[in-house]
N, C-alpha and C. Protein backbone atom coordinates (compact mmCIF):
# COMPACT_ATOMS: atom_id res chain seq x y z
N UNK A 1 146.63 110.90 77.54
CA UNK A 1 146.18 109.55 77.87
C UNK A 1 145.26 109.52 79.11
N UNK A 2 145.60 110.26 80.18
CA UNK A 2 144.69 110.24 81.33
C UNK A 2 143.29 110.78 80.99
N UNK A 3 143.23 111.73 80.06
CA UNK A 3 141.93 112.25 79.64
C UNK A 3 141.09 111.19 78.97
N UNK A 4 141.73 110.35 78.17
CA UNK A 4 141.01 109.27 77.50
C UNK A 4 140.51 108.25 78.51
N UNK A 5 141.31 107.95 79.51
CA UNK A 5 140.91 107.00 80.55
C UNK A 5 139.70 107.55 81.31
N UNK A 6 139.73 108.84 81.62
CA UNK A 6 138.61 109.44 82.32
C UNK A 6 137.35 109.44 81.47
N UNK A 7 137.50 109.70 80.18
CA UNK A 7 136.34 109.70 79.29
C UNK A 7 135.73 108.31 79.18
N UNK A 8 136.58 107.30 79.07
CA UNK A 8 136.08 105.93 78.99
C UNK A 8 135.42 105.53 80.31
N UNK A 9 136.03 105.89 81.42
CA UNK A 9 135.46 105.57 82.72
C UNK A 9 134.10 106.26 82.89
N UNK A 10 134.02 107.51 82.49
CA UNK A 10 132.75 108.23 82.57
C UNK A 10 131.69 107.55 81.71
N UNK A 11 132.06 107.13 80.50
CA UNK A 11 131.11 106.46 79.61
C UNK A 11 130.62 105.15 80.23
N UNK A 12 131.52 104.40 80.85
CA UNK A 12 131.14 103.14 81.48
C UNK A 12 130.18 103.38 82.65
N UNK A 13 130.50 104.37 83.47
CA UNK A 13 129.64 104.67 84.63
C UNK A 13 128.29 105.19 84.17
N UNK A 14 128.27 106.06 83.17
CA UNK A 14 127.01 106.60 82.66
C UNK A 14 126.16 105.49 82.05
N UNK A 15 126.77 104.60 81.29
CA UNK A 15 126.03 103.48 80.70
C UNK A 15 125.47 102.57 81.78
N UNK A 16 126.27 102.30 82.80
CA UNK A 16 125.81 101.48 83.91
C UNK A 16 124.64 102.12 84.63
N UNK A 17 124.70 103.43 84.82
CA UNK A 17 123.61 104.14 85.48
C UNK A 17 122.33 104.05 84.64
N UNK A 18 122.45 104.22 83.34
CA UNK A 18 121.28 104.12 82.46
C UNK A 18 120.69 102.71 82.48
N UNK A 19 121.55 101.71 82.51
CA UNK A 19 121.08 100.33 82.57
C UNK A 19 120.34 100.08 83.88
N UNK A 20 120.87 100.58 84.97
CA UNK A 20 120.22 100.40 86.28
C UNK A 20 118.88 101.12 86.32
N UNK A 21 118.81 102.33 85.78
CA UNK A 21 117.55 103.07 85.74
C UNK A 21 116.52 102.33 84.89
N UNK A 22 116.94 101.82 83.73
CA UNK A 22 116.03 101.07 82.87
C UNK A 22 115.55 99.80 83.56
N UNK A 23 116.44 99.11 84.25
CA UNK A 23 116.06 97.89 84.95
C UNK A 23 115.07 98.17 86.07
N UNK A 24 115.32 99.23 86.82
CA UNK A 24 114.39 99.60 87.91
C UNK A 24 113.03 99.99 87.36
N UNK A 25 113.01 100.73 86.25
CA UNK A 25 111.73 101.11 85.64
C UNK A 25 110.97 99.88 85.17
N UNK A 26 111.68 98.96 84.53
CA UNK A 26 111.05 97.74 84.04
C UNK A 26 110.51 96.91 85.20
N UNK A 27 111.30 96.76 86.25
CA UNK A 27 110.85 95.99 87.41
C UNK A 27 109.64 96.62 88.09
N UNK A 28 109.61 97.95 88.18
CA UNK A 28 108.46 98.60 88.80
C UNK A 28 107.21 98.41 87.95
N UNK A 29 107.36 98.47 86.62
CA UNK A 29 106.21 98.23 85.75
C UNK A 29 105.71 96.80 85.89
N UNK A 30 106.64 95.84 85.89
CA UNK A 30 106.25 94.43 86.01
C UNK A 30 105.58 94.16 87.35
N UNK A 31 106.10 94.75 88.41
CA UNK A 31 105.49 94.53 89.72
C UNK A 31 104.11 95.20 89.81
N UNK A 32 103.97 96.39 89.25
CA UNK A 32 102.66 97.05 89.21
C UNK A 32 101.66 96.21 88.43
N UNK A 33 102.10 95.71 87.30
CA UNK A 33 101.23 94.87 86.48
C UNK A 33 100.83 93.60 87.22
N UNK A 34 101.77 92.99 87.91
CA UNK A 34 101.47 91.76 88.66
C UNK A 34 100.45 92.03 89.77
N UNK A 35 100.63 93.13 90.49
CA UNK A 35 99.70 93.46 91.57
C UNK A 35 98.32 93.77 91.01
N UNK A 36 98.27 94.53 89.92
CA UNK A 36 96.98 94.87 89.33
C UNK A 36 96.29 93.65 88.74
N UNK A 37 97.06 92.73 88.15
CA UNK A 37 96.45 91.50 87.64
C UNK A 37 95.95 90.65 88.79
N UNK A 38 96.71 90.55 89.86
CA UNK A 38 96.31 89.77 91.01
C UNK A 38 95.02 90.31 91.63
N UNK A 39 94.91 91.63 91.68
CA UNK A 39 93.73 92.23 92.29
C UNK A 39 92.55 92.32 91.32
N UNK A 40 92.79 92.04 90.04
CA UNK A 40 91.73 92.09 89.05
C UNK A 40 91.49 93.48 88.48
N UNK A 41 92.40 94.40 88.70
CA UNK A 41 92.24 95.78 88.24
C UNK A 41 93.04 96.10 86.98
N UNK A 42 93.72 95.13 86.40
CA UNK A 42 94.60 95.41 85.27
C UNK A 42 93.82 95.96 84.08
N UNK A 43 92.69 95.34 83.74
CA UNK A 43 91.91 95.82 82.58
C UNK A 43 91.38 97.23 82.81
N UNK A 44 90.89 97.50 84.02
CA UNK A 44 90.39 98.84 84.32
C UNK A 44 91.50 99.88 84.25
N UNK A 45 92.66 99.54 84.79
CA UNK A 45 93.80 100.45 84.77
C UNK A 45 94.25 100.71 83.34
N UNK A 46 94.34 99.64 82.53
CA UNK A 46 94.77 99.78 81.15
C UNK A 46 93.78 100.63 80.36
N UNK A 47 92.48 100.42 80.58
CA UNK A 47 91.46 101.22 79.91
C UNK A 47 91.56 102.68 80.33
N UNK A 48 91.83 102.93 81.61
CA UNK A 48 91.99 104.30 82.09
C UNK A 48 93.18 104.98 81.42
N UNK A 49 94.29 104.28 81.31
CA UNK A 49 95.49 104.87 80.69
C UNK A 49 95.22 105.17 79.22
N UNK A 50 94.55 104.27 78.52
CA UNK A 50 94.27 104.48 77.10
C UNK A 50 93.34 105.67 76.90
N UNK A 51 92.26 105.75 77.68
CA UNK A 51 91.34 106.88 77.51
C UNK A 51 92.00 108.18 77.93
N UNK A 52 92.85 108.14 78.94
CA UNK A 52 93.54 109.35 79.37
C UNK A 52 94.48 109.85 78.29
N UNK A 53 95.21 108.95 77.63
CA UNK A 53 96.14 109.38 76.59
C UNK A 53 95.37 109.93 75.38
N UNK A 54 94.19 109.38 75.10
CA UNK A 54 93.39 109.92 73.99
C UNK A 54 92.92 111.33 74.32
N UNK A 55 92.49 111.55 75.56
CA UNK A 55 92.06 112.90 75.95
C UNK A 55 93.22 113.87 75.90
N UNK A 56 94.41 113.43 76.33
CA UNK A 56 95.58 114.30 76.28
C UNK A 56 95.92 114.68 74.85
N UNK A 57 95.79 113.71 73.93
CA UNK A 57 96.08 114.02 72.52
C UNK A 57 95.09 115.03 71.97
N UNK A 58 93.81 114.88 72.36
CA UNK A 58 92.80 115.84 71.90
C UNK A 58 93.09 117.23 72.44
N UNK A 59 93.48 117.30 73.71
CA UNK A 59 93.78 118.60 74.30
C UNK A 59 95.01 119.23 73.66
N UNK A 60 96.01 118.43 73.36
CA UNK A 60 97.20 118.97 72.70
C UNK A 60 96.86 119.46 71.30
N UNK A 61 95.98 118.75 70.62
CA UNK A 61 95.57 119.18 69.28
C UNK A 61 94.85 120.52 69.32
N UNK A 62 94.07 120.77 70.37
CA UNK A 62 93.35 122.04 70.49
C UNK A 62 94.27 123.17 70.85
N UNK A 63 95.35 122.88 71.57
CA UNK A 63 96.26 123.94 72.00
C UNK A 63 97.12 124.46 70.86
N UNK A 64 97.32 123.65 69.86
CA UNK A 64 98.21 124.05 68.75
C UNK A 64 97.59 125.02 67.82
């Protein structure tokens, strides 16, 4: 029985940690987006990310 309690406690703590990490990631993305929109750089940043991911895909295709 104590093993089951420890397993459940571990699962609860691990789930809580994952939720906190996801929340922090989401908040950092939202704040970055807000700052970039406020400064007028959101479209440029988004275009940079899209072109960068396309170049990465091309490079990965050549490596295979």
